C-alpha atoms as a PDB file:
ATOM      1  CA  MET A   1       0.000   0.000   0.000  1.00  0.00           C
ATOM      2  CA  ASN A   2       1.432   3.377  -1.067  1.00  0.00           C
ATOM      3  CA  GLY A   3       4.821   1.831  -1.777  1.00  0.00           C
ATOM      4  CA  ILE A   4       5.842   1.696   1.914  1.00  0.00           C
ATOM      5  CA  PRO A   5       7.208  -1.714   2.861  1.00  0.00           C
ATOM      6  CA  PRO A   6       5.039  -3.462   5.497  1.00  0.00           C
ATOM      7  CA  MET A   7       7.922  -3.787   7.957  1.00  0.00           C
ATOM      8  CA  LYS A   8       8.711  -0.070   7.834  1.00  0.00           C
ATOM      9  CA  ARG A   9       5.011   0.731   8.270  1.00  0.00           C
ATOM     10  CA  ARG A  10       4.880  -1.459  11.416  1.00  0.00           C
ATOM     11  CA  HIS A  11       7.929   0.280  12.845  1.00  0.00           C
ATOM     12  CA  THR A  12       6.390   3.686  12.159  1.00  0.00           C
ATOM     13  CA  ILE A  13       3.089   2.696  13.791  1.00  0.00           C
ATOM     14  CA  ALA A  14       4.938   1.269  16.811  1.00  0.00           C
ATOM     15  CA  LEU A  15       7.021   4.449  17.165  1.00  0.00           C
ATOM     16  CA  VAL A  16       3.989   6.752  16.923  1.00  0.00           C
ATOM     17  CA  THR A  17       2.061   4.604  19.406  1.00  0.00           C
ATOM     18  CA  ALA A  18       4.977   4.630  21.861  1.00  0.00           C
ATOM     19  CA  ALA A  19       5.314   8.419  21.548  1.00  0.00           C
ATOM     20  CA  ILE A  20       1.602   8.978  22.194  1.00  0.00           C
ATOM     21  CA  LEU A  21       1.627   6.572  25.146  1.00  0.00           C
ATOM     22  CA  THR A  22       4.669   8.328  26.641  1.00  0.00           C
ATOM     23  CA  ILE A  23       2.995  11.736  26.342  1.00  0.00           C
ATOM     24  CA  VAL A  24      -0.235  10.456  27.910  1.00  0.00           C
ATOM     25  CA  ILE A  25       1.618   8.855  30.834  1.00  0.00           C
ATOM     26  CA  TYR A  26       3.794  11.944  31.424  1.00  0.00           C
ATOM     27  CA  THR A  27       0.799  14.296  31.478  1.00  0.00           C
ATOM     28  CA  GLN A  28      -1.745  12.117  33.293  1.00  0.00           C
ATOM     29  CA  ILE A  29       0.088  10.357  36.127  1.00  0.00           C
ATOM     30  CA  THR A  30       2.322  11.296  39.050  1.00  0.00           C
ATOM     31  CA  ILE A  31       4.924   9.156  40.758  1.00  0.00           C
ATOM     32  CA  PHE A  32       4.449  10.386  44.339  1.00  0.00           C
ATOM     33  CA  VAL A  33       7.248   9.526  46.764  1.00  0.00           C
ATOM     34  CA  VAL A  34       6.384   9.662  50.470  1.00  0.00           C
ATOM     35  CA  PRO A  35       9.639   9.682  52.470  1.00  0.00           C
ATOM     36  CA  PRO A  36      10.002   7.729  55.697  1.00  0.00           C
ATOM     37  CA  ILE A  37       8.358   9.764  58.473  1.00  0.00           C
ATOM     38  CA  GLY A  38       6.984   8.893  61.911  1.00  0.00           C
ATOM     39  CA  ALA A  39       3.601   7.528  60.789  1.00  0.00           C
ATOM     40  CA  LEU A  40       5.102   5.726  57.783  1.00  0.00           C
ATOM     41  CA  PRO A  41       8.611   4.626  58.826  1.00  0.00           C
ATOM     42  CA  GLU A  42       9.333   2.648  55.649  1.00  0.00           C
ATOM     43  CA  GLY A  43       8.067   5.313  53.193  1.00  0.00           C
ATOM     44  CA  LYS A  44       6.144   4.598  49.987  1.00  0.00           C
ATOM     45  CA  THR A  45       6.156   5.326  46.279  1.00  0.00           C
ATOM     46  CA  VAL A  46       2.692   5.633  44.790  1.00  0.00           C
ATOM     47  CA  VAL A  47       1.673   5.956  41.143  1.00  0.00           C
ATOM     48  CA  LEU A  48      -1.504   8.014  40.940  1.00  0.00           C
ATOM     49  CA  THR A  49      -3.576  10.202  38.675  1.00  0.00           C
ATOM     50  CA  ARG A  50      -2.124  13.669  38.215  1.00  0.00           C
ATOM     51  CA  LEU A  51      -3.489  16.705  40.011  1.00  0.00           C
ATOM     52  CA  ASN A  52      -2.997  20.264  38.785  1.00  0.00           C
ATOM     53  CA  LYS A  53      -0.269  21.033  41.374  1.00  0.00           C
ATOM     54  CA  THR A  54       1.689  17.791  41.107  1.00  0.00           C
ATOM     55  CA  GLU A  55       4.608  17.092  38.814  1.00  0.00           C
ATOM     56  CA  PHE A  56       5.496  13.834  37.054  1.00  0.00           C
ATOM     57  CA  ILE A  57       7.815  12.821  39.925  1.00  0.00           C
ATOM     58  CA  ASP A  58       6.783  14.540  43.140  1.00  0.00           C
ATOM     59  CA  SER A  59       6.822  14.248  46.935  1.00  0.00           C
ATOM     60  CA  PRO A  60       5.230  16.055  49.870  1.00  0.00           C
ATOM     61  CA  ASP A  61       8.575  17.740  50.558  1.00  0.00           C
ATOM     62  CA  GLY A  62       8.931  18.887  46.957  1.00  0.00           C
ATOM     63  CA  MET A  63       5.409  20.318  46.979  1.00  0.00           C
ATOM     64  CA  CYS A  64       5.937  22.063  50.346  1.00  0.00           C
ATOM     65  CA  GLU A  65       9.151  23.615  49.049  1.00  0.00           C
ATOM     66  CA  ARG A  66       7.364  24.917  45.943  1.00  0.00           C
ATOM     67  CA  ILE A  67       4.233  26.111  47.757  1.00  0.00           C
ATOM     68  CA  GLN A  68       5.658  27.675  50.924  1.00  0.00           C
ATOM     69  CA  GLY A  69       9.412  27.753  50.410  1.00  0.00           C
ATOM     70  CA  GLY A  70      10.185  25.193  53.106  1.00  0.00           C
ATOM     71  CA  VAL A  71       9.200  21.870  54.647  1.00  0.00           C
ATOM     72  CA  SER A  72       7.381  21.295  57.922  1.00  0.00           C
ATOM     73  CA  LEU A  73       5.612  18.294  59.408  1.00  0.00           C
ATOM     74  CA  LEU A  74       2.279  20.118  59.166  1.00  0.00           C
ATOM     75  CA  CYS A  75       2.798  20.871  55.479  1.00  0.00           C
ATOM     76  CA  ARG A  76       3.816  17.258  54.767  1.00  0.00           C
ATOM     77  CA  VAL A  77       0.671  15.921  56.430  1.00  0.00           C
ATOM     78  CA  MET A  78      -1.589  18.412  54.631  1.00  0.00           C
ATOM     79  CA  VAL A  79      -0.033  17.618  51.234  1.00  0.00           C
ATOM     80  CA  ILE A  80      -0.226  13.844  51.755  1.00  0.00           C
ATOM     81  CA  ARG A  81      -3.873  14.120  52.812  1.00  0.00           C
ATOM     82  CA  ALA A  82      -4.811  16.359  49.889  1.00  0.00           C
ATOM     83  CA  VAL A  83      -3.002  14.332  47.235  1.00  0.00           C
ATOM     84  CA  MET A  84      -4.129  10.919  48.487  1.00  0.00           C
ATOM     85  CA  GLY A  85      -7.695  12.165  48.992  1.00  0.00           C
ATOM     86  CA  LYS A  86      -8.112  13.726  45.546  1.00  0.00           C
ATOM     87  CA  SER A  87      -6.202  11.224  43.379  1.00  0.00           C
ATOM     88  CA  THR A  88      -6.805   7.667  42.316  1.00  0.00           C
ATOM     89  CA  ILE A  89      -4.000   5.339  43.384  1.00  0.00           C
ATOM     90  CA  LEU A  90      -2.956   3.153  40.472  1.00  0.00           C
ATOM     91  CA  LEU A  91       0.033   1.333  41.993  1.00  0.00           C
ATOM     92  CA  ARG A  92       1.850   1.095  45.346  1.00  0.00           C
ATOM     93  CA  LEU A  93       5.609   0.518  45.375  1.00  0.00           C
ATOM     94  CA  PRO A  94       8.409   0.551  47.967  1.00  0.00           C
ATOM     95  CA  TYR A  95      10.109   3.821  48.846  1.00  0.00           C
ATOM     96  CA  SER A  96      12.735   4.967  46.325  1.00  0.00           C
ATOM     97  CA  PRO A  97      15.447   7.337  47.604  1.00  0.00           C
ATOM     98  CA  TRP A  98      16.472   8.045  43.992  1.00  0.00           C
ATOM     99  CA  LEU A  99      12.959   9.181  42.988  1.00  0.00           C
ATOM    100  CA  TYR A 100      12.679  11.196  46.219  1.00  0.00           C
ATOM    101  CA  SER A 101      15.922  12.982  45.352  1.00  0.00           C
ATOM    102  CA  ILE A 102      14.541  13.838  41.906  1.00  0.00           C
ATOM    103  CA  SER A 103      11.316  15.189  43.453  1.00  0.00           C
ATOM    104  CA  THR A 104      13.195  17.562  45.777  1.00  0.00           C
ATOM    105  CA  GLY A 105      15.875  18.676  43.368  1.00  0.00           C
ATOM    106  CA  GLY A 106      18.526  16.751  45.317  1.00  0.00           C
ATOM    107  CA  LYS A 107      17.641  18.234  48.721  1.00  0.00           C
ATOM    108  CA  THR A 108      16.953  16.098  51.786  1.00  0.00           C
ATOM    109  CA  TYR A 109      14.913  17.077  54.807  1.00  0.00           C
ATOM    110  CA  ASN A 110      14.688  15.864  58.424  1.00  0.00           C
ATOM    111  CA  ARG A 111      12.094  13.266  59.222  1.00  0.00           C
END
């Protein structure tokens, strides 16, 4: 059909599909990393539907830093409550220090 070899057409379709899927995932989900804190000593990484104030890889500490310029226990609790209450959790994973570091721009905060 149209002089395009079938194999090349399949590769093109696969590439376009992968690109669309990547864009949809990047714009519609958040990887939310909850660091180890008193109530959750092992921490968690949660994949959930994106909210308007969350980024692709985010954490309560990252959001507190962006919203109020610092991190406090009260802010962490409020952010966790708001995000978990308004989003749909798609997947629960173990805590990832690497993803947490990405979410905070390399900063670490006290538990």
